[in-house]
Amino acid sequence: MSARGLDESLAPDRRVRSRAVLATGNKAVYPGQGPCRIGPVVKRVVDARVMMFYHLTVLDDNRGDLFVPVEKARAIGVRLLMKKSEIPGLLAHLKKSAKTADTWKQRATDNLKLFTSGSPYDLAEVVASLTELGDTRSLTLGESVTLGRARRLLICEISEVMGETKAAVEEQIDYALNRQKTNEN
């Protein structure tokens, strides 16, 4: 991954709707889990202290429930889904050539930072860089798992935003990635 990727991860356009209000019924993204529906805020007693939690239901095929402390949701990186108008820019981001670190260890560290940021642009960077690397040599098992997970999360969010099937979104992502390859040749 390039220094460009780390520096740009702090740019305001990469923090997709992070300041919007999380409210019951909205859809949000929990980093590493993907799109979720926000349920009611619930009270729980933790260490003899009453705390408020967002009840999130994961919208992926695996489903699942998450309880996120209200006061820590922003710090964790919970954000609303992207807007439809942001999708073309995200797909264009996939078309850009991505640079990767020379060693698997540095790539793993860089990708973990990008992955946990919660930004769809950072997920796109992981997908683009590992796909490009996989075209030139074999990925390690960890890189293959990271690529698969990043693709799945990106596909899930775009599918939710666009109201399209995951297969249709996957085709769009593959097209963007193949477009990058043909531009380099």
N, C-alpha and C. Protein backbone atom coordinates (compact mmCIF):
# COMPACT_ATOMS: atom_id res chain seq x y z
N MET A 1 0.84 -1.18 0.00
CA MET A 1 0.00 0.00 0.00
C MET A 1 0.88 1.23 0.00
N SER A 2 0.39 2.27 -0.56
CA SER A 2 1.18 3.48 -0.70
C SER A 2 0.98 4.41 0.49
N ALA A 3 1.92 5.32 0.63
CA ALA A 3 1.75 6.37 1.63
C ALA A 3 0.54 7.21 1.27
N ARG A 4 0.27 7.30 -0.03
CA ARG A 4 -0.90 8.04 -0.51
C ARG A 4 -2.16 7.50 0.16
N GLY A 5 -2.27 6.18 0.25
CA GLY A 5 -3.46 5.56 0.83
C GLY A 5 -3.63 5.93 2.30
N LEU A 6 -2.56 5.92 3.06
CA LEU A 6 -2.67 6.26 4.48
C LEU A 6 -3.00 7.72 4.67
N ASP A 7 -2.37 8.60 3.89
CA ASP A 7 -2.64 10.03 4.02
C ASP A 7 -4.05 10.35 3.59
N GLU A 8 -4.51 9.75 2.49
CA GLU A 8 -5.84 10.05 1.98
C GLU A 8 -6.94 9.48 2.88
N SER A 9 -6.59 8.48 3.70
CA SER A 9 -7.63 7.90 4.56
C SER A 9 -8.14 8.92 5.57
N LEU A 10 -7.40 10.01 5.75
CA LEU A 10 -7.83 11.05 6.68
C LEU A 10 -8.59 12.16 5.97
N ALA A 11 -8.64 12.12 4.65
CA ALA A 11 -9.31 13.17 3.89
C ALA A 11 -10.81 13.14 4.15
N PRO A 12 -11.45 14.33 4.19
CA PRO A 12 -12.87 14.39 4.52
C PRO A 12 -13.77 13.61 3.57
N ASP A 13 -13.42 13.50 2.28
CA ASP A 13 -14.29 12.80 1.35
C ASP A 13 -14.28 11.29 1.58
N ARG A 14 -13.33 10.79 2.33
CA ARG A 14 -13.25 9.36 2.61
C ARG A 14 -14.05 8.99 3.86
N ARG A 15 -14.42 9.95 4.65
CA ARG A 15 -15.22 9.66 5.85
C ARG A 15 -16.68 9.84 5.47
N VAL A 16 -17.22 8.83 4.86
CA VAL A 16 -18.55 8.88 4.28
C VAL A 16 -19.60 9.07 5.38
N ARG A 17 -20.24 10.20 5.34
CA ARG A 17 -21.37 10.52 6.22
C ARG A 17 -21.13 10.14 7.69
N SER A 18 -19.94 10.36 8.19
CA SER A 18 -19.62 9.92 9.54
C SER A 18 -20.30 10.76 10.61
N ARG A 19 -20.72 11.97 10.28
CA ARG A 19 -21.30 12.85 11.28
C ARG A 19 -22.83 12.78 11.31
N ALA A 20 -23.42 12.01 10.42
CA ALA A 20 -24.88 11.91 10.37
C ALA A 20 -25.41 11.21 11.62
N VAL A 21 -26.66 11.47 11.93
CA VAL A 21 -27.28 10.93 13.14
C VAL A 21 -27.64 9.46 12.95
N LEU A 22 -27.27 8.64 13.92
CA LEU A 22 -27.67 7.24 13.92
C LEU A 22 -29.03 7.16 14.60
N ALA A 23 -30.04 6.71 13.88
CA ALA A 23 -31.39 6.65 14.43
C ALA A 23 -32.03 5.30 14.11
N THR A 24 -32.96 4.90 14.95
CA THR A 24 -33.68 3.65 14.76
C THR A 24 -34.28 3.58 13.37
N GLY A 25 -34.06 2.44 12.70
CA GLY A 25 -34.59 2.23 11.36
C GLY A 25 -33.61 2.56 10.25
N ASN A 26 -32.61 3.40 10.53
CA ASN A 26 -31.59 3.72 9.53
C ASN A 26 -30.69 2.50 9.30
N LYS A 27 -29.98 2.53 8.20
CA LYS A 27 -28.97 1.51 7.95
C LYS A 27 -27.61 2.14 8.16
N ALA A 28 -26.74 1.38 8.80
CA ALA A 28 -25.40 1.87 9.11
C ALA A 28 -24.40 0.77 8.79
N VAL A 29 -23.13 1.13 8.81
CA VAL A 29 -22.06 0.16 8.59
C VAL A 29 -21.24 0.07 9.87
N TYR A 30 -21.03 -1.16 10.31
CA TYR A 30 -20.13 -1.43 11.43
C TYR A 30 -18.85 -1.98 10.79
N PRO A 31 -17.70 -1.32 11.02
CA PRO A 31 -16.45 -1.78 10.39
C PRO A 31 -16.19 -3.26 10.64
N GLY A 32 -15.87 -3.96 9.58
CA GLY A 32 -15.56 -5.38 9.69
C GLY A 32 -16.79 -6.28 9.67
N GLN A 33 -17.99 -5.72 9.84
CA GLN A 33 -19.21 -6.51 9.82
C GLN A 33 -20.08 -6.18 8.63
N GLY A 34 -20.04 -4.93 8.18
CA GLY A 34 -20.82 -4.52 7.03
C GLY A 34 -22.11 -3.83 7.40
N PRO A 35 -23.03 -3.75 6.44
CA PRO A 35 -24.29 -3.03 6.66
C PRO A 35 -25.14 -3.66 7.76
N CYS A 36 -25.75 -2.79 8.56
CA CYS A 36 -26.62 -3.20 9.66
C CYS A 36 -27.85 -2.30 9.70
N ARG A 37 -28.93 -2.80 10.24
CA ARG A 37 -30.10 -1.97 10.50
C ARG A 37 -30.03 -1.57 11.97
N ILE A 38 -30.26 -0.29 12.23
CA ILE A 38 -30.22 0.21 13.61
C ILE A 38 -31.58 -0.06 14.26
N GLY A 39 -31.53 -0.79 15.33
CA GLY A 39 -32.74 -1.07 16.11
C GLY A 39 -32.86 -0.07 17.24
N PRO A 40 -33.72 -0.37 18.19
CA PRO A 40 -33.90 0.56 19.31
C PRO A 40 -32.66 0.65 20.19
N VAL A 41 -32.52 1.79 20.83
CA VAL A 41 -31.46 1.95 21.82
C VAL A 41 -31.93 1.22 23.08
N VAL A 42 -31.06 0.36 23.61
CA VAL A 42 -31.44 -0.45 24.78
C VAL A 42 -30.53 -0.15 25.96
N LYS A 43 -31.11 -0.33 27.15
CA LYS A 43 -30.33 -0.16 28.38
C LYS A 43 -29.81 -1.52 28.81
N ARG A 44 -28.58 -1.54 29.24
CA ARG A 44 -27.96 -2.75 29.79
C ARG A 44 -27.16 -2.34 31.01
N VAL A 45 -27.07 -3.24 31.95
CA VAL A 45 -26.25 -2.99 33.13
C VAL A 45 -24.92 -3.70 32.93
N VAL A 46 -23.85 -2.91 32.97
CA VAL A 46 -22.50 -3.43 32.80
C VAL A 46 -21.67 -2.95 33.97
N ASP A 47 -21.11 -3.88 34.71
CA ASP A 47 -20.32 -3.54 35.90
C ASP A 47 -21.09 -2.61 36.84
N ALA A 48 -22.33 -2.95 37.11
CA ALA A 48 -23.21 -2.20 38.01
C ALA A 48 -23.46 -0.76 37.52
N ARG A 49 -23.29 -0.54 36.24
CA ARG A 49 -23.52 0.78 35.67
C ARG A 49 -24.49 0.63 34.50
N VAL A 50 -25.48 1.50 34.42
CA VAL A 50 -26.44 1.47 33.33
C VAL A 50 -25.82 2.14 32.11
N MET A 51 -25.85 1.42 30.99
CA MET A 51 -25.30 1.95 29.75
C MET A 51 -26.34 1.82 28.65
N MET A 52 -26.24 2.71 27.66
CA MET A 52 -27.14 2.70 26.52
C MET A 52 -26.38 2.11 25.32
N PHE A 53 -27.06 1.23 24.58
CA PHE A 53 -26.46 0.56 23.42
C PHE A 53 -27.36 0.67 22.20
N TYR A 54 -26.72 0.85 21.03
CA TYR A 54 -27.45 0.70 19.77
C TYR A 54 -27.56 -0.80 19.52
N HIS A 55 -28.75 -1.25 19.17
CA HIS A 55 -28.94 -2.64 18.77
C HIS A 55 -28.85 -2.68 17.24
N LEU A 56 -27.80 -3.29 16.72
CA LEU A 56 -27.59 -3.38 15.28
C LEU A 56 -27.82 -4.81 14.83
N THR A 57 -28.57 -4.96 13.74
CA THR A 57 -28.77 -6.27 13.13
C THR A 57 -28.01 -6.29 11.82
N VAL A 58 -27.06 -7.21 11.70
CA VAL A 58 -26.24 -7.32 10.50
C VAL A 58 -27.13 -7.77 9.34
N LEU A 59 -27.01 -7.08 8.20
CA LEU A 59 -27.86 -7.36 7.05
C LEU A 59 -27.25 -8.36 6.08
N ASP A 60 -26.05 -8.81 6.33
CA ASP A 60 -25.40 -9.80 5.48
C ASP A 60 -26.13 -11.13 5.61
N ASP A 61 -25.83 -12.07 4.75
CA ASP A 61 -26.49 -13.37 4.77
C ASP A 61 -26.31 -14.09 6.10
N ASN A 62 -25.22 -13.83 6.79
CA ASN A 62 -24.94 -14.49 8.07
C ASN A 62 -25.79 -13.97 9.22
N ARG A 63 -26.32 -12.76 9.05
CA ARG A 63 -27.10 -12.09 10.09
C ARG A 63 -26.31 -12.00 11.39
N GLY A 64 -26.96 -11.63 12.45
CA GLY A 64 -26.33 -11.49 13.75
C GLY A 64 -26.71 -10.16 14.37
N ASP A 65 -26.58 -10.08 15.66
CA ASP A 65 -26.89 -8.87 16.41
C ASP A 65 -25.64 -8.34 17.07
N LEU A 66 -25.53 -7.02 17.07
CA LEU A 66 -24.42 -6.35 17.74
C LEU A 66 -25.01 -5.31 18.69
N PHE A 67 -24.38 -5.13 19.83
CA PHE A 67 -24.78 -4.09 20.76
C PHE A 67 -23.58 -3.17 20.94
N VAL A 68 -23.74 -1.93 20.50
CA VAL A 68 -22.65 -0.96 20.48
C VAL A 68 -22.96 0.16 21.45
N PRO A 69 -22.05 0.42 22.40
CA PRO A 69 -22.30 1.53 23.34
C PRO A 69 -22.51 2.84 22.57
N VAL A 70 -23.57 3.55 22.89
CA VAL A 70 -23.93 4.79 22.20
C VAL A 70 -22.76 5.77 22.21
N GLU A 71 -22.11 5.92 23.37
CA GLU A 71 -21.04 6.91 23.47
C GLU A 71 -19.77 6.50 22.73
N LYS A 72 -19.66 5.23 22.30
CA LYS A 72 -18.45 4.79 21.60
C LYS A 72 -18.68 4.49 20.12
N ALA A 73 -19.90 4.63 19.65
CA ALA A 73 -20.23 4.27 18.27
C ALA A 73 -19.37 5.03 17.26
N ARG A 74 -19.22 6.31 17.45
CA ARG A 74 -18.41 7.12 16.51
C ARG A 74 -16.94 6.70 16.55
N ALA A 75 -16.42 6.50 17.74
CA ALA A 75 -15.01 6.12 17.88
C ALA A 75 -14.74 4.76 17.23
N ILE A 76 -15.70 3.87 17.30
CA ILE A 76 -15.57 2.55 16.69
C ILE A 76 -15.61 2.65 15.17
N GLY A 77 -16.29 3.68 14.67
CA GLY A 77 -16.37 3.88 13.22
C GLY A 77 -17.72 3.54 12.63
N VAL A 78 -18.74 3.38 13.46
CA VAL A 78 -20.08 3.13 12.95
C VAL A 78 -20.53 4.38 12.19
N ARG A 79 -21.03 4.18 10.97
CA ARG A 79 -21.46 5.30 10.13
C ARG A 79 -22.67 4.88 9.31
N LEU A 80 -23.40 5.86 8.79
CA LEU A 80 -24.51 5.56 7.90
C LEU A 80 -23.98 5.04 6.58
N LEU A 81 -24.83 4.33 5.84
CA LEU A 81 -24.45 3.84 4.51
C LEU A 81 -24.09 5.02 3.61
N MET A 82 -23.34 4.72 2.57
CA MET A 82 -23.02 5.72 1.57
C MET A 82 -24.31 6.19 0.89
N LYS A 83 -24.23 7.32 0.21
CA LYS A 83 -25.34 7.78 -0.62
C LYS A 83 -25.15 7.18 -2.01
N LYS A 84 -26.25 7.05 -2.76
CA LYS A 84 -26.16 6.54 -4.14
C LYS A 84 -25.20 7.38 -4.97
N SER A 85 -25.19 8.67 -4.73
CA SER A 85 -24.35 9.58 -5.51
C SER A 85 -22.86 9.34 -5.27
N GLU A 86 -22.51 8.64 -4.20
CA GLU A 86 -21.10 8.38 -3.89
C GLU A 86 -20.57 7.11 -4.55
N ILE A 87 -21.46 6.26 -5.04
CA ILE A 87 -21.04 4.97 -5.61
C ILE A 87 -20.16 5.13 -6.86
N PRO A 88 -20.50 6.00 -7.82
CA PRO A 88 -19.62 6.14 -8.98
C PRO A 88 -18.18 6.52 -8.60
N GLY A 89 -18.02 7.39 -7.62
CA GLY A 89 -16.68 7.77 -7.16
C GLY A 89 -15.94 6.60 -6.53
N LEU A 90 -16.68 5.76 -5.81
CA LEU A 90 -16.08 4.58 -5.20
C LEU A 90 -15.62 3.59 -6.27
N LEU A 91 -16.46 3.37 -7.27
CA LEU A 91 -16.08 2.47 -8.37
C LEU A 91 -14.90 3.04 -9.16
N ALA A 92 -14.87 4.35 -9.32
CA ALA A 92 -13.73 4.99 -10.00
C ALA A 92 -12.45 4.80 -9.18
N HIS A 93 -12.59 4.81 -7.86
CA HIS A 93 -11.44 4.60 -6.97
C HIS A 93 -10.85 3.20 -7.19
N LEU A 94 -11.70 2.23 -7.48
CA LEU A 94 -11.24 0.87 -7.76
C LEU A 94 -10.40 0.80 -9.04
N LYS A 95 -10.65 1.71 -9.94
CA LYS A 95 -9.96 1.71 -11.24
C LYS A 95 -8.54 2.23 -11.14
N LYS A 96 -8.24 2.95 -10.05
CA LYS A 96 -6.90 3.52 -9.90
C LYS A 96 -5.90 2.42 -9.56
N SER A 97 -4.69 2.58 -10.03
CA SER A 97 -3.63 1.64 -9.71
C SER A 97 -3.27 1.80 -8.23
N ALA A 98 -3.18 0.69 -7.54
CA ALA A 98 -2.87 0.72 -6.11
C ALA A 98 -1.48 0.15 -5.89
N LYS A 99 -0.71 0.80 -5.07
CA LYS A 99 0.62 0.31 -4.76
C LYS A 99 0.55 -0.48 -3.45
N THR A 100 1.35 -1.53 -3.40
CA THR A 100 1.39 -2.35 -2.19
C THR A 100 2.80 -2.38 -1.63
N ALA A 101 2.87 -2.66 -0.34
CA ALA A 101 4.18 -2.78 0.31
C ALA A 101 4.90 -4.01 -0.24
N ASP A 102 6.20 -4.04 -0.07
CA ASP A 102 7.01 -5.14 -0.61
C ASP A 102 6.87 -6.44 0.18
N THR A 103 6.70 -6.34 1.50
CA THR A 103 6.66 -7.55 2.32
C THR A 103 5.23 -7.87 2.73
N TRP A 104 4.95 -9.15 2.92
CA TRP A 104 3.60 -9.57 3.33
C TRP A 104 3.25 -8.99 4.70
N LYS A 105 4.24 -8.87 5.55
CA LYS A 105 3.99 -8.36 6.91
C LYS A 105 3.54 -6.90 6.87
N GLN A 106 4.22 -6.08 6.06
CA GLN A 106 3.84 -4.67 5.95
C GLN A 106 2.49 -4.53 5.26
N ARG A 107 2.24 -5.37 4.23
CA ARG A 107 0.93 -5.35 3.56
C ARG A 107 -0.18 -5.69 4.55
N ALA A 108 0.07 -6.68 5.40
CA ALA A 108 -0.94 -7.08 6.38
C ALA A 108 -1.23 -5.94 7.35
N THR A 109 -0.18 -5.25 7.80
CA THR A 109 -0.36 -4.11 8.71
C THR A 109 -1.12 -2.99 8.03
N ASP A 110 -0.73 -2.66 6.81
CA ASP A 110 -1.39 -1.59 6.06
C ASP A 110 -2.85 -1.93 5.80
N ASN A 111 -3.11 -3.17 5.37
CA ASN A 111 -4.48 -3.58 5.07
C ASN A 111 -5.35 -3.61 6.31
N LEU A 112 -4.78 -3.99 7.45
CA LEU A 112 -5.55 -3.99 8.70
C LEU A 112 -5.99 -2.57 9.06
N LYS A 113 -5.09 -1.61 8.90
CA LYS A 113 -5.43 -0.21 9.17
C LYS A 113 -6.56 0.25 8.27
N LEU A 114 -6.44 -0.07 6.99
CA LEU A 114 -7.47 0.33 6.03
C LEU A 114 -8.79 -0.38 6.32
N PHE A 115 -8.71 -1.65 6.63
CA PHE A 115 -9.89 -2.47 6.87
C PHE A 115 -10.69 -1.98 8.07
N THR A 116 -10.00 -1.63 9.13
CA THR A 116 -10.69 -1.24 10.36
C THR A 116 -11.14 0.21 10.37
N SER A 117 -10.76 0.98 9.36
CA SER A 117 -11.17 2.39 9.32
C SER A 117 -12.68 2.52 9.11
N GLY A 118 -13.26 1.53 8.44
CA GLY A 118 -14.69 1.60 8.16
C GLY A 118 -15.03 2.36 6.89
N SER A 119 -14.05 2.95 6.25
CA SER A 119 -14.28 3.72 5.03
C SER A 119 -14.44 2.78 3.84
N PRO A 120 -15.46 2.98 3.03
CA PRO A 120 -15.59 2.16 1.82
C PRO A 120 -14.45 2.42 0.84
N TYR A 121 -13.89 3.61 0.86
CA TYR A 121 -12.76 3.92 -0.01
C TYR A 121 -11.52 3.14 0.42
N ASP A 122 -11.35 2.96 1.72
CA ASP A 122 -10.23 2.16 2.20
C ASP A 122 -10.44 0.69 1.86
N LEU A 123 -11.68 0.20 1.96
CA LEU A 123 -11.97 -1.18 1.53
C LEU A 123 -11.66 -1.34 0.05
N ALA A 124 -12.04 -0.35 -0.74
CA ALA A 124 -11.77 -0.39 -2.18
C ALA A 124 -10.27 -0.43 -2.43
N GLU A 125 -9.50 0.28 -1.63
CA GLU A 125 -8.05 0.26 -1.79
C GLU A 125 -7.48 -1.12 -1.48
N VAL A 126 -8.02 -1.77 -0.44
CA VAL A 126 -7.58 -3.14 -0.11
C VAL A 126 -7.91 -4.07 -1.27
N VAL A 127 -9.14 -3.98 -1.77
CA VAL A 127 -9.57 -4.84 -2.88
C VAL A 127 -8.69 -4.60 -4.11
N ALA A 128 -8.48 -3.34 -4.46
CA ALA A 128 -7.69 -3.02 -5.66
C ALA A 128 -6.25 -3.49 -5.51
N SER A 129 -5.63 -3.21 -4.37
CA SER A 129 -4.21 -3.55 -4.22
C SER A 129 -3.99 -5.06 -4.17
N LEU A 130 -4.85 -5.79 -3.45
CA LEU A 130 -4.66 -7.24 -3.37
C LEU A 130 -5.05 -7.93 -4.68
N THR A 131 -6.04 -7.39 -5.39
CA THR A 131 -6.39 -7.96 -6.69
C THR A 131 -5.24 -7.77 -7.67
N GLU A 132 -4.67 -6.56 -7.66
CA GLU A 132 -3.54 -6.28 -8.54
C GLU A 132 -2.34 -7.17 -8.19
N LEU A 133 -2.07 -7.34 -6.90
CA LEU A 133 -0.97 -8.19 -6.47
C LEU A 133 -1.24 -9.64 -6.88
N GLY A 134 -2.48 -10.09 -6.71
CA GLY A 134 -2.85 -11.46 -7.08
C GLY A 134 -2.72 -11.73 -8.56
N ASP A 135 -2.75 -10.69 -9.38
CA ASP A 135 -2.58 -10.85 -10.82
C ASP A 135 -1.12 -11.11 -11.19
N THR A 136 -0.19 -10.73 -10.30
CA THR A 136 1.24 -10.88 -10.61
C THR A 136 1.89 -12.03 -9.85
N ARG A 137 1.30 -12.40 -8.70
CA ARG A 137 1.85 -13.54 -7.93
C ARG A 137 0.79 -14.08 -7.00
N SER A 138 1.09 -15.19 -6.39
CA SER A 138 0.13 -15.82 -5.48
C SER A 138 0.03 -15.03 -4.19
N LEU A 139 -1.21 -14.88 -3.72
CA LEU A 139 -1.43 -14.22 -2.43
C LEU A 139 -1.21 -15.22 -1.30
N THR A 140 -0.79 -14.73 -0.14
CA THR A 140 -0.70 -15.59 1.02
C THR A 140 -2.12 -15.96 1.44
N LEU A 141 -2.27 -16.95 2.29
CA LEU A 141 -3.60 -17.34 2.76
C LEU A 141 -4.28 -16.17 3.45
N GLY A 142 -3.55 -15.44 4.28
CA GLY A 142 -4.11 -14.28 4.98
C GLY A 142 -4.56 -13.20 4.02
N GLU A 143 -3.77 -12.95 2.98
CA GLU A 143 -4.15 -11.95 1.98
C GLU A 143 -5.39 -12.38 1.21
N SER A 144 -5.49 -13.66 0.90
CA SER A 144 -6.68 -14.17 0.20
C SER A 144 -7.93 -13.99 1.05
N VAL A 145 -7.81 -14.27 2.34
CA VAL A 145 -8.94 -14.10 3.26
C VAL A 145 -9.31 -12.62 3.38
N THR A 146 -8.31 -11.76 3.51
CA THR A 146 -8.54 -10.32 3.61
C THR A 146 -9.21 -9.79 2.35
N LEU A 147 -8.74 -10.21 1.19
CA LEU A 147 -9.33 -9.79 -0.07
C LEU A 147 -10.80 -10.24 -0.15
N GLY A 148 -11.05 -11.48 0.18
CA GLY A 148 -12.42 -11.99 0.14
C GLY A 148 -13.35 -11.24 1.07
N ARG A 149 -12.88 -10.96 2.25
CA ARG A 149 -13.70 -10.25 3.25
C ARG A 149 -13.95 -8.80 2.82
N ALA A 150 -12.91 -8.13 2.34
CA ALA A 150 -13.06 -6.74 1.89
C ALA A 150 -14.03 -6.66 0.71
N ARG A 151 -13.92 -7.59 -0.23
CA ARG A 151 -14.84 -7.63 -1.37
C ARG A 151 -16.27 -7.84 -0.89
N ARG A 152 -16.45 -8.79 0.03
CA ARG A 152 -17.80 -9.09 0.54
C ARG A 152 -18.42 -7.87 1.20
N LEU A 153 -17.66 -7.17 2.03
CA LEU A 153 -18.18 -5.99 2.71
C LEU A 153 -18.51 -4.87 1.73
N LEU A 154 -17.65 -4.68 0.75
CA LEU A 154 -17.88 -3.65 -0.27
C LEU A 154 -19.13 -3.99 -1.09
N ILE A 155 -19.23 -5.23 -1.50
CA ILE A 155 -20.39 -5.68 -2.28
C ILE A 155 -21.67 -5.53 -1.47
N CYS A 156 -21.64 -5.90 -0.19
CA CYS A 156 -22.84 -5.80 0.66
C CYS A 156 -23.31 -4.36 0.78
N GLU A 157 -22.39 -3.43 1.01
CA GLU A 157 -22.80 -2.04 1.18
C GLU A 157 -23.34 -1.47 -0.13
N ILE A 158 -22.65 -1.69 -1.22
CA ILE A 158 -23.12 -1.15 -2.50
C ILE A 158 -24.48 -1.76 -2.85
N SER A 159 -24.64 -3.04 -2.59
CA SER A 159 -25.91 -3.72 -2.87
C SER A 159 -27.05 -3.10 -2.06
N GLU A 160 -26.81 -2.81 -0.80
CA GLU A 160 -27.83 -2.18 0.06
C GLU A 160 -28.17 -0.78 -0.44
N VAL A 161 -27.16 -0.03 -0.81
CA VAL A 161 -27.36 1.35 -1.24
C VAL A 161 -28.10 1.40 -2.58
N MET A 162 -27.68 0.58 -3.51
CA MET A 162 -28.23 0.62 -4.87
C MET A 162 -29.51 -0.20 -5.02
N GLY A 163 -29.79 -1.08 -4.07
CA GLY A 163 -30.95 -1.95 -4.19
C GLY A 163 -30.78 -2.99 -5.28
N GLU A 164 -29.54 -3.36 -5.55
CA GLU A 164 -29.23 -4.35 -6.58
C GLU A 164 -28.79 -5.65 -5.92
N THR A 165 -28.80 -6.72 -6.69
CA THR A 165 -28.34 -8.00 -6.16
C THR A 165 -26.83 -7.95 -5.94
N LYS A 166 -26.36 -8.80 -5.08
CA LYS A 166 -24.93 -8.86 -4.83
C LYS A 166 -24.18 -9.32 -6.07
N ALA A 167 -24.79 -10.20 -6.86
CA ALA A 167 -24.15 -10.66 -8.09
C ALA A 167 -23.96 -9.51 -9.08
N ALA A 168 -24.96 -8.64 -9.20
CA ALA A 168 -24.86 -7.50 -10.11
C ALA A 168 -23.78 -6.53 -9.64
N VAL A 169 -23.70 -6.31 -8.34
CA VAL A 169 -22.68 -5.42 -7.78
C VAL A 169 -21.29 -6.02 -7.97
N GLU A 170 -21.18 -7.32 -7.77
CA GLU A 170 -19.89 -7.98 -7.96
C GLU A 170 -19.41 -7.82 -9.40
N GLU A 171 -20.33 -7.90 -10.36
CA GLU A 171 -19.97 -7.68 -11.76
C GLU A 171 -19.44 -6.27 -11.97
N GLN A 172 -20.07 -5.28 -11.33
CA GLN A 172 -19.61 -3.89 -11.46
C GLN A 172 -18.21 -3.73 -10.89
N ILE A 173 -17.96 -4.36 -9.76
CA ILE A 173 -16.64 -4.28 -9.13
C ILE A 173 -15.59 -4.96 -10.01
N ASP A 174 -15.94 -6.15 -10.52
CA ASP A 174 -15.01 -6.85 -11.41
C ASP A 174 -14.72 -6.04 -12.66
N TYR A 175 -15.74 -5.39 -13.19
CA TYR A 175 -15.57 -4.55 -14.38
C TYR A 175 -14.60 -3.40 -14.07
N ALA A 176 -14.79 -2.76 -12.92
CA ALA A 176 -13.91 -1.66 -12.53
C ALA A 176 -12.47 -2.15 -12.37
N LEU A 177 -12.30 -3.31 -11.76
CA LEU A 177 -10.95 -3.85 -11.55
C LEU A 177 -10.33 -4.27 -12.88
N ASN A 178 -11.10 -4.86 -13.76
CA ASN A 178 -10.58 -5.26 -15.08
C ASN A 178 -10.27 -4.05 -15.93
N ARG A 179 -11.05 -3.00 -15.76
CA ARG A 179 -10.83 -1.75 -16.49
C ARG A 179 -9.46 -1.19 -16.11
N GLN A 180 -9.11 -1.31 -14.82
CA GLN A 180 -7.82 -0.83 -14.33
C GLN A 180 -6.71 -1.62 -15.03
N LYS A 181 -6.89 -2.93 -15.15
CA LYS A 181 -5.88 -3.78 -15.77
C LYS A 181 -5.66 -3.41 -17.24
N THR A 182 -6.74 -3.19 -17.96
CA THR A 182 -6.62 -2.86 -19.38
C THR A 182 -6.01 -1.48 -19.58
N ASN A 183 -6.23 -0.56 -18.66
CA ASN A 183 -5.62 0.78 -18.76
C ASN A 183 -4.12 0.73 -18.54
N GLU A 184 -3.64 -0.24 -17.77
CA GLU A 184 -2.21 -0.36 -17.49
C GLU A 184 -1.47 -0.97 -18.66
N ASN A 185 -2.14 -1.81 -19.44
CA ASN A 185 -1.47 -2.51 -20.56
C ASN A 185 -1.31 -1.65 -21.77
